[in-house]
Amino acid sequence: MKTDNVLAKMQEITEKSVKLYKCDFYDFDVPRIKDENPSEFVWMVRETGTHIMTPRLCDEDKVAWRNRYELLASINKDFYYCTMNPDGSGTVTKSPKRCEEFAARQTR
């Protein structure tokens, strides 16, 4: 889904889907996005919180990144592949397949 503001779309999804620990999005995901400014990332959502996986997290240890991804994938419900332009526009696409492809690219 193309959107003018990726963070606004993510906030909409958070408010609709997350019942507990919405702070995951506000306290962890948003600051990470603003700090790293990733052009693409995986965002995982469940009723009890969110997780974000960016390329920068992979820089130090590809095996640990992959293990973390697999663990988080096992506990999360919805998987979003996100792209973001410098102006904040981009896409938020619900797609486990695209997320897995992203994870595979990060850990080659």
N, C-alpha and C. Protein backbone atom coordinates (compact mmCIF):
# COMPACT_ATOMS: atom_id res chain seq x y z
N MET A 1 0.84 -1.17 0.00
CA MET A 1 0.00 0.00 0.00
C MET A 1 0.89 1.24 0.00
N LYS A 2 0.81 2.04 -1.06
CA LYS A 2 1.57 3.28 -1.12
C LYS A 2 0.95 4.28 -0.16
N THR A 3 1.78 4.97 0.55
CA THR A 3 1.27 5.94 1.51
C THR A 3 2.13 7.19 1.50
N ASP A 4 1.53 8.33 1.81
CA ASP A 4 2.29 9.57 1.87
C ASP A 4 3.15 9.64 3.12
N ASN A 5 2.78 8.89 4.13
CA ASN A 5 3.54 8.94 5.36
C ASN A 5 3.57 7.55 6.00
N VAL A 6 4.72 6.92 5.90
CA VAL A 6 4.88 5.56 6.41
C VAL A 6 4.58 5.50 7.91
N LEU A 7 5.11 6.43 8.67
CA LEU A 7 4.88 6.41 10.12
C LEU A 7 3.41 6.57 10.47
N ALA A 8 2.70 7.39 9.72
CA ALA A 8 1.26 7.56 9.98
C ALA A 8 0.51 6.26 9.70
N LYS A 9 0.87 5.56 8.64
CA LYS A 9 0.23 4.27 8.34
C LYS A 9 0.56 3.25 9.42
N MET A 10 1.80 3.22 9.86
CA MET A 10 2.19 2.29 10.92
C MET A 10 1.45 2.62 12.22
N GLN A 11 1.29 3.89 12.52
CA GLN A 11 0.54 4.28 13.71
C GLN A 11 -0.91 3.82 13.61
N GLU A 12 -1.50 3.96 12.44
CA GLU A 12 -2.88 3.51 12.23
C GLU A 12 -3.00 2.01 12.48
N ILE A 13 -2.06 1.24 11.96
CA ILE A 13 -2.05 -0.21 12.16
C ILE A 13 -1.87 -0.54 13.64
N THR A 14 -0.94 0.16 14.29
CA THR A 14 -0.70 -0.06 15.73
C THR A 14 -1.97 0.19 16.53
N GLU A 15 -2.61 1.29 16.30
CA GLU A 15 -3.81 1.64 17.06
C GLU A 15 -4.95 0.64 16.83
N LYS A 16 -5.01 0.08 15.64
CA LYS A 16 -6.06 -0.87 15.29
C LYS A 16 -5.75 -2.29 15.78
N SER A 17 -4.49 -2.71 15.70
CA SER A 17 -4.15 -4.12 15.91
C SER A 17 -3.54 -4.45 17.26
N VAL A 18 -2.84 -3.52 17.86
CA VAL A 18 -2.11 -3.79 19.10
C VAL A 18 -3.00 -3.45 20.30
N LYS A 19 -3.21 -4.44 21.16
CA LYS A 19 -4.06 -4.24 22.35
C LYS A 19 -3.24 -3.87 23.58
N LEU A 20 -2.06 -4.44 23.72
CA LEU A 20 -1.16 -4.17 24.83
C LEU A 20 0.22 -3.80 24.30
N TYR A 21 0.93 -2.97 25.00
CA TYR A 21 2.29 -2.58 24.68
C TYR A 21 2.40 -1.80 23.36
N LYS A 22 1.47 -0.87 23.15
CA LYS A 22 1.58 0.03 22.01
C LYS A 22 2.86 0.84 22.12
N CYS A 23 3.39 0.92 23.33
CA CYS A 23 4.63 1.65 23.55
C CYS A 23 5.79 1.06 22.72
N ASP A 24 5.71 -0.21 22.35
CA ASP A 24 6.74 -0.79 21.48
C ASP A 24 6.91 0.08 20.24
N PHE A 25 5.79 0.46 19.64
CA PHE A 25 5.84 1.28 18.44
C PHE A 25 6.37 2.68 18.74
N TYR A 26 5.78 3.33 19.74
CA TYR A 26 6.13 4.72 20.03
C TYR A 26 7.51 4.89 20.65
N ASP A 27 7.90 3.97 21.51
CA ASP A 27 9.17 4.12 22.25
C ASP A 27 10.37 3.46 21.57
N PHE A 28 10.13 2.49 20.71
CA PHE A 28 11.24 1.76 20.09
C PHE A 28 11.27 1.88 18.56
N ASP A 29 10.14 1.57 17.91
CA ASP A 29 10.12 1.56 16.44
C ASP A 29 10.31 2.95 15.85
N VAL A 30 9.51 3.91 16.30
CA VAL A 30 9.60 5.27 15.75
C VAL A 30 10.99 5.87 15.95
N PRO A 31 11.57 5.82 17.16
CA PRO A 31 12.92 6.37 17.31
C PRO A 31 13.96 5.66 16.43
N ARG A 32 13.83 4.34 16.28
CA ARG A 32 14.78 3.62 15.42
C ARG A 32 14.67 4.09 13.98
N ILE A 33 13.44 4.25 13.50
CA ILE A 33 13.24 4.72 12.13
C ILE A 33 13.82 6.13 11.97
N LYS A 34 13.55 6.99 12.92
CA LYS A 34 14.05 8.36 12.83
C LYS A 34 15.58 8.41 12.94
N ASP A 35 16.15 7.55 13.75
CA ASP A 35 17.61 7.52 13.93
C ASP A 35 18.32 6.92 12.72
N GLU A 36 17.80 5.81 12.21
CA GLU A 36 18.47 5.08 11.14
C GLU A 36 18.05 5.52 9.74
N ASN A 37 16.83 6.03 9.60
CA ASN A 37 16.29 6.42 8.31
C ASN A 37 16.46 5.31 7.26
N PRO A 38 15.97 4.09 7.56
CA PRO A 38 16.16 2.98 6.62
C PRO A 38 15.28 3.15 5.38
N SER A 39 15.80 2.72 4.24
CA SER A 39 15.00 2.79 3.01
C SER A 39 14.05 1.60 2.92
N GLU A 40 14.36 0.54 3.66
CA GLU A 40 13.47 -0.62 3.73
C GLU A 40 13.67 -1.30 5.07
N PHE A 41 12.60 -1.95 5.54
CA PHE A 41 12.67 -2.67 6.81
C PHE A 41 11.46 -3.58 6.95
N VAL A 42 11.56 -4.49 7.90
CA VAL A 42 10.46 -5.39 8.23
C VAL A 42 9.87 -4.93 9.55
N TRP A 43 8.55 -4.92 9.60
CA TRP A 43 7.85 -4.54 10.81
C TRP A 43 6.85 -5.63 11.16
N MET A 44 6.92 -6.15 12.35
CA MET A 44 6.07 -7.25 12.79
C MET A 44 5.11 -6.75 13.87
N VAL A 45 3.86 -7.20 13.77
CA VAL A 45 2.82 -6.71 14.67
C VAL A 45 2.04 -7.89 15.25
N ARG A 46 1.70 -7.78 16.51
CA ARG A 46 0.84 -8.75 17.18
C ARG A 46 -0.01 -7.99 18.19
N GLU A 47 -0.95 -8.64 18.81
CA GLU A 47 -1.83 -7.96 19.77
C GLU A 47 -1.06 -7.41 20.97
N THR A 48 0.09 -7.99 21.26
CA THR A 48 0.85 -7.56 22.43
C THR A 48 2.17 -6.87 22.06
N GLY A 49 2.17 -6.12 20.97
CA GLY A 49 3.35 -5.32 20.66
C GLY A 49 3.80 -5.39 19.22
N THR A 50 4.96 -4.77 18.97
CA THR A 50 5.54 -4.70 17.63
C THR A 50 7.04 -4.96 17.71
N HIS A 51 7.62 -5.27 16.56
CA HIS A 51 9.07 -5.40 16.42
C HIS A 51 9.46 -4.85 15.07
N ILE A 52 10.63 -4.25 15.01
CA ILE A 52 11.15 -3.74 13.75
C ILE A 52 12.51 -4.35 13.50
N MET A 53 12.77 -4.70 12.25
CA MET A 53 14.07 -5.27 11.85
C MET A 53 14.60 -4.41 10.70
N THR A 54 15.69 -3.71 10.94
CA THR A 54 16.29 -2.85 9.94
C THR A 54 17.63 -3.42 9.47
N PRO A 55 18.11 -2.98 8.30
CA PRO A 55 19.41 -3.47 7.83
C PRO A 55 20.54 -3.15 8.81
N ARG A 56 20.47 -2.01 9.48
CA ARG A 56 21.55 -1.63 10.40
C ARG A 56 21.73 -2.63 11.53
N LEU A 57 20.64 -3.25 11.96
CA LEU A 57 20.74 -4.26 13.01
C LEU A 57 21.57 -5.45 12.56
N CYS A 58 21.68 -5.63 11.25
CA CYS A 58 22.40 -6.78 10.69
C CYS A 58 23.90 -6.50 10.53
N ASP A 59 24.30 -5.25 10.60
CA ASP A 59 25.68 -4.87 10.32
C ASP A 59 26.70 -5.60 11.17
N GLU A 60 26.38 -5.86 12.42
CA GLU A 60 27.36 -6.43 13.33
C GLU A 60 27.44 -7.95 13.27
N ASP A 61 26.31 -8.62 13.12
CA ASP A 61 26.31 -10.08 13.21
C ASP A 61 25.13 -10.65 12.43
N LYS A 62 25.40 -11.16 11.23
CA LYS A 62 24.35 -11.68 10.38
C LYS A 62 23.64 -12.90 10.97
N VAL A 63 24.37 -13.76 11.64
CA VAL A 63 23.77 -14.96 12.23
C VAL A 63 22.82 -14.55 13.37
N ALA A 64 23.26 -13.64 14.21
CA ALA A 64 22.40 -13.18 15.30
C ALA A 64 21.15 -12.48 14.74
N TRP A 65 21.31 -11.71 13.66
CA TRP A 65 20.17 -11.02 13.05
C TRP A 65 19.16 -12.05 12.55
N ARG A 66 19.66 -13.08 11.86
CA ARG A 66 18.76 -14.11 11.32
C ARG A 66 18.06 -14.86 12.46
N ASN A 67 18.80 -15.20 13.49
CA ASN A 67 18.19 -15.90 14.64
C ASN A 67 17.13 -15.03 15.29
N ARG A 68 17.41 -13.76 15.44
CA ARG A 68 16.42 -12.84 16.03
C ARG A 68 15.19 -12.75 15.14
N TYR A 69 15.41 -12.64 13.83
CA TYR A 69 14.28 -12.57 12.89
C TYR A 69 13.40 -13.81 13.04
N GLU A 70 14.00 -14.98 13.04
CA GLU A 70 13.23 -16.22 13.13
C GLU A 70 12.47 -16.32 14.45
N LEU A 71 13.09 -15.91 15.53
CA LEU A 71 12.41 -15.91 16.83
C LEU A 71 11.22 -14.95 16.80
N LEU A 72 11.44 -13.74 16.33
CA LEU A 72 10.36 -12.76 16.28
C LEU A 72 9.26 -13.19 15.32
N ALA A 73 9.63 -13.80 14.22
CA ALA A 73 8.63 -14.27 13.26
C ALA A 73 7.74 -15.33 13.88
N SER A 74 8.28 -16.09 14.82
CA SER A 74 7.50 -17.16 15.43
C SER A 74 6.46 -16.63 16.43
N ILE A 75 6.64 -15.41 16.92
CA ILE A 75 5.70 -14.90 17.93
C ILE A 75 4.81 -13.77 17.42
N ASN A 76 5.05 -13.30 16.21
CA ASN A 76 4.27 -12.20 15.67
C ASN A 76 3.22 -12.70 14.70
N LYS A 77 2.18 -11.91 14.52
CA LYS A 77 1.03 -12.32 13.71
C LYS A 77 1.07 -11.74 12.30
N ASP A 78 1.31 -10.46 12.19
CA ASP A 78 1.27 -9.77 10.90
C ASP A 78 2.66 -9.26 10.55
N PHE A 79 3.01 -9.40 9.27
CA PHE A 79 4.34 -9.04 8.79
C PHE A 79 4.21 -8.00 7.69
N TYR A 80 4.88 -6.86 7.88
CA TYR A 80 4.82 -5.77 6.92
C TYR A 80 6.21 -5.50 6.37
N TYR A 81 6.31 -5.48 5.04
CA TYR A 81 7.54 -5.04 4.38
C TYR A 81 7.34 -3.57 4.07
N CYS A 82 8.23 -2.74 4.57
CA CYS A 82 8.08 -1.30 4.44
C CYS A 82 9.24 -0.70 3.66
N THR A 83 8.92 0.25 2.80
CA THR A 83 9.93 1.05 2.14
C THR A 83 9.66 2.49 2.50
N MET A 84 10.74 3.28 2.60
CA MET A 84 10.56 4.67 2.99
C MET A 84 11.54 5.56 2.25
N ASN A 85 11.01 6.62 1.69
CA ASN A 85 11.81 7.64 1.02
C ASN A 85 12.24 8.69 2.04
N PRO A 86 13.24 9.50 1.69
CA PRO A 86 13.69 10.53 2.64
C PRO A 86 12.58 11.48 3.10
N ASP A 87 11.55 11.69 2.26
CA ASP A 87 10.46 12.60 2.65
C ASP A 87 9.40 11.92 3.51
N GLY A 88 9.61 10.63 3.84
CA GLY A 88 8.67 9.90 4.69
C GLY A 88 7.60 9.14 3.93
N SER A 89 7.50 9.36 2.62
CA SER A 89 6.55 8.60 1.82
C SER A 89 7.11 7.21 1.57
N GLY A 90 6.26 6.29 1.15
CA GLY A 90 6.74 4.95 0.86
C GLY A 90 5.60 3.95 0.86
N THR A 91 5.90 2.72 1.21
CA THR A 91 4.90 1.67 1.20
C THR A 91 4.94 0.89 2.50
N VAL A 92 3.78 0.40 2.89
CA VAL A 92 3.64 -0.50 4.03
C VAL A 92 2.80 -1.65 3.49
N THR A 93 3.47 -2.77 3.20
CA THR A 93 2.82 -3.89 2.52
C THR A 93 2.78 -5.11 3.44
N LYS A 94 1.58 -5.60 3.71
CA LYS A 94 1.44 -6.80 4.53
C LYS A 94 1.81 -7.99 3.66
N SER A 95 2.99 -8.58 3.93
CA SER A 95 3.48 -9.65 3.07
C SER A 95 4.57 -10.46 3.77
N PRO A 96 4.22 -11.60 4.36
CA PRO A 96 5.26 -12.45 4.97
C PRO A 96 6.33 -12.85 3.96
N LYS A 97 5.94 -13.07 2.72
CA LYS A 97 6.91 -13.48 1.68
C LYS A 97 7.94 -12.38 1.44
N ARG A 98 7.51 -11.14 1.30
CA ARG A 98 8.45 -10.03 1.08
C ARG A 98 9.36 -9.85 2.29
N CYS A 99 8.82 -10.07 3.48
CA CYS A 99 9.63 -9.98 4.70
C CYS A 99 10.71 -11.04 4.72
N GLU A 100 10.35 -12.25 4.34
CA GLU A 100 11.33 -13.34 4.30
C GLU A 100 12.40 -13.05 3.24
N GLU A 101 12.01 -12.52 2.11
CA GLU A 101 12.99 -12.15 1.07
C GLU A 101 13.95 -11.08 1.58
N PHE A 102 13.42 -10.11 2.30
CA PHE A 102 14.26 -9.08 2.90
C PHE A 102 15.24 -9.70 3.88
N ALA A 103 14.76 -10.59 4.73
CA ALA A 103 15.62 -11.25 5.71
C ALA A 103 16.73 -12.05 5.01
N ALA A 104 16.38 -12.73 3.94
CA ALA A 104 17.37 -13.50 3.21
C ALA A 104 18.45 -12.60 2.61
N ARG A 105 18.06 -11.46 2.08
CA ARG A 105 19.04 -10.50 1.52
C ARG A 105 19.97 -9.97 2.60
N GLN A 106 19.46 -9.76 3.78
CA GLN A 106 20.27 -9.18 4.86
C GLN A 106 21.32 -10.15 5.37
N THR A 107 21.05 -11.43 5.24
CA THR A 107 21.94 -12.42 5.88
C THR A 107 22.75 -13.24 4.89
N ARG A 108 22.87 -12.76 3.68
CA ARG A 108 23.72 -13.45 2.69
C ARG A 108 25.17 -13.27 3.02
